[in-house]
Amino acid sequence: MNEVADDLPESGYAVVRCVDMAVVAIFAHFPDCERSIMYRRGADISFLPLQPDEIIGTPTLFTQMLEKAGYRIT
């Protein structure tokens, strides 16, 4: 067994960073929804359910999408 198993909870869920196998988040309940976004601030974890028509992206992503569609961004 590898070293990440020592940091895993006995029950619940854990988010493991693959590059170094570090446990970065532990939480008791997984969201009961089709889609959600997870926020982590230190040890605090929260999930925000997403509606089917919601799109998540950075301002850069949306700017690039508009430019590819032929819009000029000023």
PDB file of N, CA and C in Angstrom:
ATOM      1  N   MET A   1       0.849  -1.180   0.000  1.00  0.00           N
ATOM      2  CA  MET A   1       0.000   0.000   0.000  1.00  0.00           C
ATOM      3  C   MET A   1       0.896   1.245   0.000  1.00  0.00           C
ATOM      4  N   ASN A   2       0.427   2.325  -0.652  1.00  0.00           N
ATOM      5  CA  ASN A   2       1.272   3.520  -0.718  1.00  0.00           C
ATOM      6  C   ASN A   2       0.990   4.480   0.443  1.00  0.00           C
ATOM      7  N   GLU A   3       1.758   5.544   0.492  1.00  0.00           N
ATOM      8  CA  GLU A   3       1.688   6.470   1.622  1.00  0.00           C
ATOM      9  C   GLU A   3       0.391   7.250   1.710  1.00  0.00           C
ATOM     10  N   VAL A   4      -0.360   7.393   0.630  1.00  0.00           N
ATOM     11  CA  VAL A   4      -1.607   8.143   0.672  1.00  0.00           C
ATOM     12  C   VAL A   4      -2.653   7.428   1.534  1.00  0.00           C
ATOM     13  N   ALA A   5      -2.590   6.119   1.630  1.00  0.00           N
ATOM     14  CA  ALA A   5      -3.569   5.365   2.416  1.00  0.00           C
ATOM     15  C   ALA A   5      -3.539   5.766   3.888  1.00  0.00           C
ATOM     16  N   ASP A   6      -2.411   6.203   4.395  1.00  0.00           N
ATOM     17  CA  ASP A   6      -2.311   6.626   5.790  1.00  0.00           C
ATOM     18  C   ASP A   6      -3.112   7.899   6.066  1.00  0.00           C
ATOM     19  N   ASP A   7      -3.305   8.731   5.052  1.00  0.00           N
ATOM     20  CA  ASP A   7      -4.005  10.005   5.221  1.00  0.00           C
ATOM     21  C   ASP A   7      -5.486   9.926   4.900  1.00  0.00           C
ATOM     22  N   LEU A   8      -5.962   8.791   4.398  1.00  0.00           N
ATOM     23  CA  LEU A   8      -7.362   8.672   4.002  1.00  0.00           C
ATOM     24  C   LEU A   8      -8.269   8.481   5.213  1.00  0.00           C
ATOM     25  N   PRO A   9      -9.481   9.037   5.141  1.00  0.00           N
ATOM     26  CA  PRO A   9     -10.419   8.861   6.257  1.00  0.00           C
ATOM     27  C   PRO A   9     -10.978   7.436   6.279  1.00  0.00           C
ATOM     28  N   GLU A  10     -11.486   7.028   7.438  1.00  0.00           N
ATOM     29  CA  GLU A  10     -12.108   5.699   7.558  1.00  0.00           C
ATOM     30  C   GLU A  10     -13.407   5.636   6.762  1.00  0.00           C
ATOM     31  N   SER A  11     -14.103   6.768   6.638  1.00  0.00           N
ATOM     32  CA  SER A  11     -15.330   6.831   5.844  1.00  0.00           C
ATOM     33  C   SER A  11     -15.407   8.204   5.191  1.00  0.00           C
ATOM     34  N   GLY A  12     -16.307   8.345   4.266  1.00  0.00           N
ATOM     35  CA  GLY A  12     -16.454   9.618   3.573  1.00  0.00           C
ATOM     36  C   GLY A  12     -15.680   9.629   2.275  1.00  0.00           C
ATOM     37  N   TYR A  13     -15.203  10.795   1.889  1.00  0.00           N
ATOM     38  CA  TYR A  13     -14.555  10.996   0.602  1.00  0.00           C
ATOM     39  C   TYR A  13     -13.270  11.788   0.777  1.00  0.00           C
ATOM     40  N   ALA A  14     -12.355  11.608  -0.176  1.00  0.00           N
ATOM     41  CA  ALA A  14     -11.104  12.357  -0.177  1.00  0.00           C
ATOM     42  C   ALA A  14     -10.750  12.734  -1.611  1.00  0.00           C
ATOM     43  N   VAL A  15     -10.186  13.914  -1.774  1.00  0.00           N
ATOM     44  CA  VAL A  15      -9.638  14.343  -3.058  1.00  0.00           C
ATOM     45  C   VAL A  15      -8.132  14.191  -2.953  1.00  0.00           C
ATOM     46  N   VAL A  16      -7.565  13.417  -3.882  1.00  0.00           N
ATOM     47  CA  VAL A  16      -6.127  13.140  -3.874  1.00  0.00           C
ATOM     48  C   VAL A  16      -5.496  13.796  -5.096  1.00  0.00           C
ATOM     49  N   ARG A  17      -4.449  14.597  -4.873  1.00  0.00           N
ATOM     50  CA  ARG A  17      -3.701  15.219  -5.968  1.00  0.00           C
ATOM     51  C   ARG A  17      -2.773  14.163  -6.562  1.00  0.00           C
ATOM     52  N   CYS A  18      -2.976  13.834  -7.807  1.00  0.00           N
ATOM     53  CA  CYS A  18      -2.267  12.711  -8.428  1.00  0.00           C
ATOM     54  C   CYS A  18      -0.760  12.918  -8.532  1.00  0.00           C
ATOM     55  N   VAL A  19      -0.313  14.129  -8.764  1.00  0.00           N
ATOM     56  CA  VAL A  19       1.110  14.361  -9.004  1.00  0.00           C
ATOM     57  C   VAL A  19       1.981  13.961  -7.811  1.00  0.00           C
ATOM     58  N   ASP A  20       1.477  14.170  -6.587  1.00  0.00           N
ATOM     59  CA  ASP A  20       2.274  13.814  -5.406  1.00  0.00           C
ATOM     60  C   ASP A  20       1.504  12.965  -4.404  1.00  0.00           C
ATOM     61  N   MET A  21       0.292  12.519  -4.793  1.00  0.00           N
ATOM     62  CA  MET A  21      -0.547  11.656  -3.959  1.00  0.00           C
ATOM     63  C   MET A  21      -0.924  12.294  -2.622  1.00  0.00           C
ATOM     64  N   ALA A  22      -0.960  13.627  -2.560  1.00  0.00           N
ATOM     65  CA  ALA A  22      -1.335  14.332  -1.337  1.00  0.00           C
ATOM     66  C   ALA A  22      -2.856  14.396  -1.223  1.00  0.00           C
ATOM     67  N   VAL A  23      -3.376  14.162  -0.043  1.00  0.00           N
ATOM     68  CA  VAL A  23      -4.798  14.332   0.218  1.00  0.00           C
ATOM     69  C   VAL A  23      -5.038  15.821   0.442  1.00  0.00           C
ATOM     70  N   VAL A  24      -5.806  16.446  -0.453  1.00  0.00           N
ATOM     71  CA  VAL A  24      -6.009  17.889  -0.371  1.00  0.00           C
ATOM     72  C   VAL A  24      -7.363  18.267   0.199  1.00  0.00           C
ATOM     73  N   ALA A  25      -8.289  17.309   0.279  1.00  0.00           N
ATOM     74  CA  ALA A  25      -9.608  17.597   0.845  1.00  0.00           C
ATOM     75  C   ALA A  25     -10.240  16.311   1.345  1.00  0.00           C
ATOM     76  N   ILE A  26     -10.908  16.415   2.484  1.00  0.00           N
ATOM     77  CA  ILE A  26     -11.659  15.295   3.060  1.00  0.00           C
ATOM     78  C   ILE A  26     -13.041  15.826   3.410  1.00  0.00           C
ATOM     79  N   PHE A  27     -14.080  15.097   3.023  1.00  0.00           N
ATOM     80  CA  PHE A  27     -15.431  15.535   3.344  1.00  0.00           C
ATOM     81  C   PHE A  27     -16.321  14.324   3.565  1.00  0.00           C
ATOM     82  N   ALA A  28     -17.384  14.531   4.324  1.00  0.00           N
ATOM     83  CA  ALA A  28     -18.239  13.425   4.758  1.00  0.00           C
ATOM     84  C   ALA A  28     -19.289  13.037   3.722  1.00  0.00           C
ATOM     85  N   HIS A  29     -19.805  14.015   2.973  1.00  0.00           N
ATOM     86  CA  HIS A  29     -20.918  13.745   2.065  1.00  0.00           C
ATOM     87  C   HIS A  29     -20.602  14.253   0.669  1.00  0.00           C
ATOM     88  N   PHE A  30     -20.926  13.442  -0.323  1.00  0.00           N
ATOM     89  CA  PHE A  30     -20.769  13.850  -1.716  1.00  0.00           C
ATOM     90  C   PHE A  30     -22.056  14.541  -2.148  1.00  0.00           C
ATOM     91  N   PRO A  31     -21.997  15.558  -2.992  1.00  0.00           N
ATOM     92  CA  PRO A  31     -23.204  16.280  -3.368  1.00  0.00           C
ATOM     93  C   PRO A  31     -24.200  15.375  -4.097  1.00  0.00           C
ATOM     94  N   ASP A  32     -25.464  15.532  -3.765  1.00  0.00           N
ATOM     95  CA  ASP A  32     -26.522  14.737  -4.377  1.00  0.00           C
ATOM     96  C   ASP A  32     -27.147  15.538  -5.510  1.00  0.00           C
ATOM     97  N   CYS A  33     -26.365  15.734  -6.571  1.00  0.00           N
ATOM     98  CA  CYS A  33     -26.838  16.477  -7.727  1.00  0.00           C
ATOM     99  C   CYS A  33     -26.070  16.005  -8.958  1.00  0.00           C
ATOM    100  N   GLU A  34     -26.579  16.339 -10.126  1.00  0.00           N
ATOM    101  CA  GLU A  34     -25.968  15.914 -11.386  1.00  0.00           C
ATOM    102  C   GLU A  34     -24.596  16.555 -11.597  1.00  0.00           C
ATOM    103  N   ARG A  35     -24.507  17.875 -11.344  1.00  0.00           N
ATOM    104  CA  ARG A  35     -23.259  18.619 -11.541  1.00  0.00           C
ATOM    105  C   ARG A  35     -23.067  19.578 -10.378  1.00  0.00           C
ATOM    106  N   SER A  36     -21.817  19.767  -9.974  1.00  0.00           N
ATOM    107  CA  SER A  36     -21.517  20.748  -8.934  1.00  0.00           C
ATOM    108  C   SER A  36     -20.084  21.212  -9.098  1.00  0.00           C
ATOM    109  N   ILE A  37     -19.791  22.324  -8.466  1.00  0.00           N
ATOM    110  CA  ILE A  37     -18.424  22.827  -8.429  1.00  0.00           C
ATOM    111  C   ILE A  37     -17.984  22.816  -6.974  1.00  0.00           C
ATOM    112  N   MET A  38     -16.753  22.375  -6.741  1.00  0.00           N
ATOM    113  CA  MET A  38     -16.236  22.290  -5.380  1.00  0.00           C
ATOM    114  C   MET A  38     -15.307  23.472  -5.112  1.00  0.00           C
ATOM    115  N   TYR A  39     -15.491  24.085  -3.952  1.00  0.00           N
ATOM    116  CA  TYR A  39     -14.615  25.153  -3.483  1.00  0.00           C
ATOM    117  C   TYR A  39     -13.889  24.646  -2.244  1.00  0.00           C
ATOM    118  N   ARG A  40     -12.617  24.984  -2.147  1.00  0.00           N
ATOM    119  CA  ARG A  40     -11.838  24.610  -0.968  1.00  0.00           C
ATOM    120  C   ARG A  40     -11.067  25.834  -0.496  1.00  0.00           C
ATOM    121  N   ARG A  41     -11.187  26.128   0.777  1.00  0.00           N
ATOM    122  CA  ARG A  41     -10.399  27.188   1.406  1.00  0.00           C
ATOM    123  C   ARG A  41      -9.814  26.582   2.663  1.00  0.00           C
ATOM    124  N   GLY A  42      -8.530  26.218   2.591  1.00  0.00           N
ATOM    125  CA  GLY A  42      -7.903  25.513   3.701  1.00  0.00           C
ATOM    126  C   GLY A  42      -8.582  24.177   3.909  1.00  0.00           C
ATOM    127  N   ALA A  43      -9.087  23.946   5.098  1.00  0.00           N
ATOM    128  CA  ALA A  43      -9.756  22.685   5.407  1.00  0.00           C
ATOM    129  C   ALA A  43     -11.255  22.725   5.129  1.00  0.00           C
ATOM    130  N   ASP A  44     -11.789  23.901   4.778  1.00  0.00           N
ATOM    131  CA  ASP A  44     -13.224  24.026   4.524  1.00  0.00           C
ATOM    132  C   ASP A  44     -13.558  23.661   3.083  1.00  0.00           C
ATOM    133  N   ILE A  45     -14.527  22.776   2.915  1.00  0.00           N
ATOM    134  CA  ILE A  45     -14.969  22.311   1.601  1.00  0.00           C
ATOM    135  C   ILE A  45     -16.439  22.673   1.430  1.00  0.00           C
ATOM    136  N   SER A  46     -16.802  23.171   0.255  1.00  0.00           N
ATOM    137  CA  SER A  46     -18.215  23.380  -0.034  1.00  0.00           C
ATOM    138  C   SER A  46     -18.479  23.032  -1.497  1.00  0.00           C
ATOM    139  N   PHE A  47     -19.703  22.608  -1.765  1.00  0.00           N
ATOM    140  CA  PHE A  47     -20.131  22.278  -3.114  1.00  0.00           C
ATOM    141  C   PHE A  47     -21.274  23.195  -3.497  1.00  0.00           C
ATOM    142  N   LEU A  48     -21.249  23.684  -4.716  1.00  0.00           N
ATOM    143  CA  LEU A  48     -22.311  24.519  -5.236  1.00  0.00           C
ATOM    144  C   LEU A  48     -22.949  23.776  -6.405  1.00  0.00           C
ATOM    145  N   PRO A  49     -24.225  23.380  -6.274  1.00  0.00           N
ATOM    146  CA  PRO A  49     -24.891  22.691  -7.391  1.00  0.00           C
ATOM    147  C   PRO A  49     -24.969  23.614  -8.609  1.00  0.00           C
ATOM    148  N   LEU A  50     -24.815  23.034  -9.786  1.00  0.00           N
ATOM    149  CA  LEU A  50     -24.906  23.779 -11.037  1.00  0.00           C
ATOM    150  C   LEU A  50     -26.184  23.394 -11.772  1.00  0.00           C
ATOM    151  N   GLN A  51     -26.812  24.385 -12.371  1.00  0.00           N
ATOM    152  CA  GLN A  51     -27.993  24.142 -13.186  1.00  0.00           C
ATOM    153  C   GLN A  51     -27.557  23.613 -14.557  1.00  0.00           C
ATOM    154  N   PRO A  52     -28.423  22.893 -15.255  1.00  0.00           N
ATOM    155  CA  PRO A  52     -28.043  22.316 -16.546  1.00  0.00           C
ATOM    156  C   PRO A  52     -27.539  23.343 -17.564  1.00  0.00           C
ATOM    157  N   ASP A  53     -28.042  24.579 -17.499  1.00  0.00           N
ATOM    158  CA  ASP A  53     -27.641  25.592 -18.479  1.00  0.00           C
ATOM    159  C   ASP A  53     -26.465  26.457 -18.017  1.00  0.00           C
ATOM    160  N   GLU A  54     -25.908  26.203 -16.840  1.00  0.00           N
ATOM    161  CA  GLU A  54     -24.792  27.009 -16.340  1.00  0.00           C
ATOM    162  C   GLU A  54     -23.474  26.543 -16.933  1.00  0.00           C
ATOM    163  N   ILE A  55     -22.624  27.515 -17.280  1.00  0.00           N
ATOM    164  CA  ILE A  55     -21.298  27.259 -17.827  1.00  0.00           C
ATOM    165  C   ILE A  55     -20.283  27.893 -16.887  1.00  0.00           C
ATOM    166  N   ILE A  56     -19.229  27.160 -16.563  1.00  0.00           N
ATOM    167  CA  ILE A  56     -18.174  27.658 -15.685  1.00  0.00           C
ATOM    168  C   ILE A  56     -16.922  27.903 -16.525  1.00  0.00           C
ATOM    169  N   GLY A  57     -16.326  29.064 -16.371  1.00  0.00           N
ATOM    170  CA  GLY A  57     -15.100  29.379 -17.102  1.00  0.00           C
ATOM    171  C   GLY A  57     -14.495  30.663 -16.587  1.00  0.00           C
ATOM    172  N   THR A  58     -13.285  30.919 -17.023  1.00  0.00           N
ATOM    173  CA  THR A  58     -12.584  32.140 -16.636  1.00  0.00           C
ATOM    174  C   THR A  58     -12.921  33.256 -17.618  1.00  0.00           C
ATOM    175  N   PRO A  59     -12.687  34.504 -17.249  1.00  0.00           N
ATOM    176  CA  PRO A  59     -12.889  35.593 -18.205  1.00  0.00           C
ATOM    177  C   PRO A  59     -12.055  35.397 -19.484  1.00  0.00           C
ATOM    178  N   THR A  60     -10.859  34.840 -19.344  1.00  0.00           N
ATOM    179  CA  THR A  60     -10.016  34.582 -20.516  1.00  0.00           C
ATOM    180  C   THR A  60     -10.689  33.589 -21.455  1.00  0.00           C
ATOM    181  N   LEU A  61     -11.286  32.540 -20.904  1.00  0.00           N
ATOM    182  CA  LEU A  61     -11.984  31.560 -21.734  1.00  0.00           C
ATOM    183  C   LEU A  61     -13.095  32.229 -22.529  1.00  0.00           C
ATOM    184  N   PHE A  62     -13.922  33.035 -21.876  1.00  0.00           N
ATOM    185  CA  PHE A  62     -15.035  33.681 -22.558  1.00  0.00           C
ATOM    186  C   PHE A  62     -14.543  34.686 -23.598  1.00  0.00           C
ATOM    187  N   THR A  63     -13.469  35.398 -23.309  1.00  0.00           N
ATOM    188  CA  THR A  63     -12.891  36.325 -24.284  1.00  0.00           C
ATOM    189  C   THR A  63     -12.412  35.561 -25.516  1.00  0.00           C
ATOM    190  N   GLN A  64     -11.726  34.440 -25.317  1.00  0.00           N
ATOM    191  CA  GLN A  64     -11.248  33.636 -26.438  1.00  0.00           C
ATOM    192  C   GLN A  64     -12.410  33.078 -27.259  1.00  0.00           C
ATOM    193  N   MET A  65     -13.475  32.664 -26.596  1.00  0.00           N
ATOM    194  CA  MET A  65     -14.643  32.157 -27.308  1.00  0.00           C
ATOM    195  C   MET A  65     -15.265  33.247 -28.188  1.00  0.00           C
ATOM    196  N   LEU A  66     -15.382  34.461 -27.650  1.00  0.00           N
ATOM    197  CA  LEU A  66     -15.938  35.562 -28.425  1.00  0.00           C
ATOM    198  C   LEU A  66     -15.043  35.919 -29.607  1.00  0.00           C
ATOM    199  N   GLU A  67     -13.716  35.917 -29.382  1.00  0.00           N
ATOM    200  CA  GLU A  67     -12.781  36.233 -30.473  1.00  0.00           C
ATOM    201  C   GLU A  67     -12.878  35.177 -31.580  1.00  0.00           C
ATOM    202  N   LYS A  68     -12.975  33.909 -31.215  1.00  0.00           N
ATOM    203  CA  LYS A  68     -13.103  32.838 -32.211  1.00  0.00           C
ATOM    204  C   LYS A  68     -14.417  32.935 -32.976  1.00  0.00           C
ATOM    205  N   ALA A  69     -15.433  33.502 -32.335  1.00  0.00           N
ATOM    206  CA  ALA A  69     -16.724  33.671 -33.000  1.00  0.00           C
ATOM    207  C   ALA A  69     -16.736  34.907 -33.899  1.00  0.00           C
ATOM    208  N   GLY A  70     -15.620  35.659 -33.936  1.00  0.00           N
ATOM    209  CA  GLY A  70     -15.521  36.802 -34.830  1.00  0.00           C
ATOM    210  C   GLY A  70     -15.714  38.152 -34.183  1.00  0.00           C
ATOM    211  N   TYR A  71     -15.926  38.193 -32.880  1.00  0.00           N
ATOM    212  CA  TYR A  71     -16.094  39.468 -32.187  1.00  0.00           C
ATOM    213  C   TYR A  71     -14.728  40.071 -31.891  1.00  0.00           C
ATOM    214  N   ARG A  72     -14.649  41.398 -31.913  1.00  0.00           N
ATOM    215  CA  ARG A  72     -13.423  42.095 -31.561  1.00  0.00           C
ATOM    216  C   ARG A  72     -13.594  42.627 -30.145  1.00  0.00           C
ATOM    217  N   ILE A  73     -12.725  42.240 -29.258  1.00  0.00           N
ATOM    218  CA  ILE A  73     -12.796  42.643 -27.845  1.00  0.00           C
ATOM    219  C   ILE A  73     -11.901  43.865 -27.648  1.00  0.00           C
ATOM    220  N   THR A  74     -12.467  44.926 -27.101  1.00  0.00           N
ATOM    221  CA  THR A  74     -11.677  46.136 -26.859  1.00  0.00           C
ATOM    222  C   THR A  74     -11.673  46.483 -25.401  1.00  0.00           C
TER     223      THR A  74
END
